[in-house]
Amino acid sequence: MAKEYGLIDRVMFGIDYQNVKVDFAALINWFKTSLNQTIERTGWPTLSSSEIGGLLGESARKYLGLT
């Protein structure tokens, strides 16, 4: 929905699990390889690689003025 409203650059992925071991490499790989398959099954528009990059940190860096 954020993509349809032109707000995808304001969406950032975050995780706040405490004391839970998370395989971040696998999580990032899932975003890059499988997220669009899940999105397609729900009928929403898929994301470009740069939009996925935004979810994974690029948008946060821009928002925080780190780029």
Protein backbone atom coordinates (compact mmCIF):
# COMPACT_ATOMS: atom_id res chain seq x y z
CA MET A 1 0.00 0.00 0.00
CA ALA A 2 2.88 2.39 0.75
CA LYS A 3 4.13 1.96 -2.81
CA GLU A 4 0.72 2.75 -4.25
CA TYR A 5 0.55 5.97 -2.22
CA GLY A 6 4.11 7.00 -3.13
CA LEU A 7 5.37 6.55 0.41
CA ILE A 8 7.64 3.52 0.02
CA ASP A 9 10.71 5.70 0.66
CA ARG A 10 9.38 6.31 4.18
CA VAL A 11 9.05 2.64 5.10
CA MET A 12 11.91 1.09 7.06
CA PHE A 13 12.39 -2.42 8.36
CA GLY A 14 13.13 -2.73 12.05
CA ILE A 15 13.34 -5.49 14.57
CA ASP A 16 13.18 -5.23 18.32
CA TYR A 17 13.49 -8.82 19.46
CA GLN A 18 15.51 -8.92 22.64
CA ASN A 19 17.51 -11.97 23.60
CA VAL A 20 16.42 -13.78 20.43
CA LYS A 21 19.07 -15.01 18.07
CA VAL A 22 18.26 -13.73 14.58
CA ASP A 23 20.11 -14.86 11.46
CA PHE A 24 20.33 -11.45 9.84
CA ALA A 25 22.12 -12.77 6.75
CA ALA A 26 19.21 -15.16 6.11
CA LEU A 27 16.68 -12.41 6.82
CA ILE A 28 18.33 -10.01 4.37
CA ASN A 29 18.58 -12.80 1.79
CA TRP A 30 14.84 -13.47 2.20
CA PHE A 31 14.08 -9.79 1.58
CA LYS A 32 16.19 -9.80 -1.57
CA THR A 33 15.04 -13.15 -2.98
CA SER A 34 11.60 -14.05 -1.62
CA LEU A 35 9.77 -10.91 -0.48
CA ASN A 36 8.38 -10.19 -3.95
CA GLN A 37 7.04 -13.75 -4.23
CA THR A 38 5.09 -13.22 -1.03
CA ILE A 39 3.89 -9.82 -2.20
CA GLU A 40 2.73 -11.24 -5.55
CA ARG A 41 0.62 -13.89 -3.77
CA THR A 42 -1.22 -11.16 -1.88
CA GLY A 43 -1.91 -9.14 -5.03
CA TRP A 44 0.14 -6.06 -4.11
CA PRO A 45 2.65 -4.49 -6.52
CA THR A 46 6.15 -5.91 -6.22
CA LEU A 47 9.14 -3.84 -5.13
CA SER A 48 12.18 -2.89 -7.16
CA SER A 49 15.64 -3.77 -5.88
CA SER A 50 16.20 -0.13 -4.89
CA GLU A 51 12.90 -0.11 -2.94
CA ILE A 52 13.98 -3.26 -1.11
CA GLY A 53 17.33 -1.57 -0.42
CA GLY A 54 15.39 1.31 1.08
CA LEU A 55 13.55 -1.06 3.41
CA LEU A 56 16.85 -2.60 4.48
CA GLY A 57 18.56 0.64 5.43
CA GLU A 58 18.90 3.14 2.60
CA SER A 59 15.75 5.03 3.64
CA ALA A 60 16.92 5.15 7.27
CA ARG A 61 20.34 6.48 6.22
CA LYS A 62 18.70 9.24 4.17
CA TYR A 63 16.24 10.10 6.94
CA LEU A 64 19.06 10.32 9.49
CA GLY A 65 21.26 12.33 7.12
CA LEU A 66 23.96 9.65 6.94
CA THR A 67 24.29 9.66 3.14
